[in-house]
Amino acid sequence: MINFNCSKSLILKVYFTSTNLLFTLTNIRGKVVAWTSTGTWKVRGAKKLTSVTVETAFKKISKELNRLNCKFLHVELFGFNKNKKAVTRLLKGNLIAIKSISDKTAHPHNGCRQKKLRRI
């Protein structure tokens, strides 16, 4: 459970999409403090998901964490991507103490019933 009285802790939400990677830094109440994505540096296409762009986006977020004097970090991961392990390695190498890491990816359970096939 997240401690709501701590003013030095923030939540980092990482959204993995098929074409982009979004970092959102919020306070405990949910108000956005800072954000960045791999597409903000005019990189287009598959180049947005390279390890270099992921590292530069994470460096910007870590600078914001240092500027805000954050002591504790709660991490929430959303979506599927090949860079998910790389992001967790970058988080572990950071100097800020990570209180929790949670994966909140929504998994489909076979979806709605398909329409009846038309036979001719």
Protein backbone atom coordinates (compact mmCIF):
# COMPACT_ATOMS: atom_id res chain seq x y z
CA MET A 1 0.00 0.00 0.00
CA ILE A 2 1.26 3.48 -0.84
CA ASN A 3 1.86 5.85 2.05
CA PHE A 4 -0.20 8.98 1.30
CA ASN A 5 1.47 11.15 3.95
CA CYS A 6 4.95 11.01 2.41
CA SER A 7 5.71 14.19 0.46
CA LYS A 8 9.04 12.88 -0.87
CA SER A 9 7.58 9.99 -2.89
CA LEU A 10 6.36 10.08 -6.49
CA ILE A 11 4.75 7.62 -8.91
CA LEU A 12 6.38 6.87 -12.27
CA LYS A 13 3.93 5.46 -14.81
CA VAL A 14 5.51 3.89 -17.90
CA TYR A 15 3.19 3.21 -20.86
CA PHE A 16 4.52 0.83 -23.50
CA THR A 17 2.67 1.13 -26.81
CA SER A 18 3.47 -0.54 -30.11
CA THR A 19 5.02 2.64 -31.53
CA ASN A 20 5.96 4.80 -28.54
CA LEU A 21 7.06 4.79 -24.91
CA LEU A 22 5.54 7.29 -22.47
CA PHE A 23 6.91 8.26 -19.05
CA THR A 24 4.56 10.13 -16.69
CA LEU A 25 5.70 11.33 -13.28
CA THR A 26 2.87 12.06 -10.83
CA ASN A 27 2.57 12.85 -7.17
CA ILE A 28 0.71 10.55 -4.78
CA ARG A 29 -2.61 12.29 -5.46
CA GLY A 30 -2.30 11.69 -9.23
CA LYS A 31 -1.38 15.20 -10.37
CA VAL A 32 1.12 15.14 -13.27
CA VAL A 33 4.46 16.67 -12.33
CA ALA A 34 6.49 15.84 -15.47
CA TRP A 35 6.18 13.71 -18.59
CA THR A 36 8.21 12.71 -21.61
CA SER A 37 8.07 10.23 -24.46
CA THR A 38 10.47 8.77 -26.98
CA GLY A 39 8.71 10.66 -29.76
CA THR A 40 9.45 14.14 -28.40
CA TRP A 41 12.88 14.34 -30.07
CA LYS A 42 11.50 14.28 -33.65
CA VAL A 43 12.40 10.60 -34.00
CA ARG A 44 9.92 8.78 -36.20
CA GLY A 45 8.96 5.19 -36.85
CA ALA A 46 10.77 2.20 -35.40
CA LYS A 47 13.65 4.39 -34.19
CA LYS A 48 11.50 5.51 -31.24
CA LEU A 49 11.83 2.08 -29.65
CA THR A 50 15.62 1.77 -29.73
CA SER A 51 17.59 1.51 -26.51
CA VAL A 52 19.26 4.90 -27.08
CA THR A 53 15.97 6.81 -27.20
CA VAL A 54 14.67 4.91 -24.16
CA GLU A 55 17.81 5.89 -22.21
CA THR A 56 17.54 9.56 -23.19
CA ALA A 57 13.88 9.67 -22.15
CA PHE A 58 14.77 8.07 -18.83
CA LYS A 59 17.63 10.55 -18.29
CA LYS A 60 15.14 13.40 -18.61
CA ILE A 61 12.85 11.79 -16.04
CA SER A 62 15.77 11.16 -13.66
CA LYS A 63 16.77 14.84 -13.93
CA GLU A 64 13.22 15.79 -12.96
CA LEU A 65 13.37 13.38 -10.01
CA ASN A 66 16.59 15.00 -8.80
CA ARG A 67 15.16 18.49 -9.29
CA LEU A 68 12.06 17.62 -7.26
CA ASN A 69 14.23 16.12 -4.47
CA CYS A 70 12.38 12.81 -4.60
CA LYS A 71 13.46 10.12 -2.11
CA PHE A 72 11.08 7.24 -2.89
CA LEU A 73 9.59 6.05 -6.16
CA HIS A 74 6.62 3.81 -6.97
CA VAL A 75 6.69 2.39 -10.52
CA GLU A 76 3.67 1.27 -12.56
CA LEU A 77 4.17 -0.46 -15.92
CA PHE A 78 1.45 -0.65 -18.59
CA GLY A 79 1.49 -2.53 -21.89
CA PHE A 80 3.70 -4.96 -23.80
CA ASN A 81 7.08 -4.14 -25.30
CA LYS A 82 10.53 -5.60 -25.76
CA ASN A 83 12.08 -2.71 -23.78
CA LYS A 84 10.29 -3.49 -20.51
CA LYS A 85 13.30 -5.29 -19.03
CA ALA A 86 15.64 -2.52 -20.16
CA VAL A 87 13.52 0.09 -18.38
CA THR A 88 13.50 -1.95 -15.16
CA ARG A 89 17.31 -2.24 -15.37
CA LEU A 90 17.57 1.54 -15.78
CA LEU A 91 15.32 2.00 -12.75
CA LYS A 92 17.48 -0.27 -10.61
CA GLY A 93 20.61 1.66 -11.60
CA ASN A 94 19.07 4.92 -10.41
CA LEU A 95 19.99 6.33 -6.99
CA ILE A 96 16.38 6.80 -5.85
CA ALA A 97 14.90 4.09 -3.63
CA ILE A 98 12.14 2.15 -5.39
CA LYS A 99 9.34 1.23 -3.00
CA SER A 100 7.22 -0.85 -5.39
CA ILE A 101 7.07 -2.04 -8.99
CA SER A 102 3.68 -3.11 -10.31
CA ASP A 103 2.66 -4.34 -13.75
CA LYS A 104 -0.88 -3.16 -14.53
CA THR A 105 -1.18 -4.50 -18.06
CA ALA A 106 -4.75 -5.38 -19.03
CA HIS A 107 -4.85 -8.91 -20.43
CA PRO A 108 -7.72 -9.81 -22.79
CA HIS A 109 -9.70 -12.93 -21.91
CA ASN A 110 -10.84 -13.99 -25.39
CA GLY A 111 -13.08 -10.92 -25.90
CA CYS A 112 -16.65 -10.76 -27.18
CA ARG A 113 -18.43 -13.50 -29.06
CA GLN A 114 -17.76 -13.49 -32.80
CA LYS A 115 -20.53 -12.94 -35.35
CA LYS A 116 -22.01 -16.02 -36.97
CA LEU A 117 -20.22 -16.79 -40.24
CA ARG A 118 -22.34 -16.34 -43.35
CA ARG A 119 -22.64 -19.49 -45.44
CA ILE A 120 -23.32 -19.19 -49.14
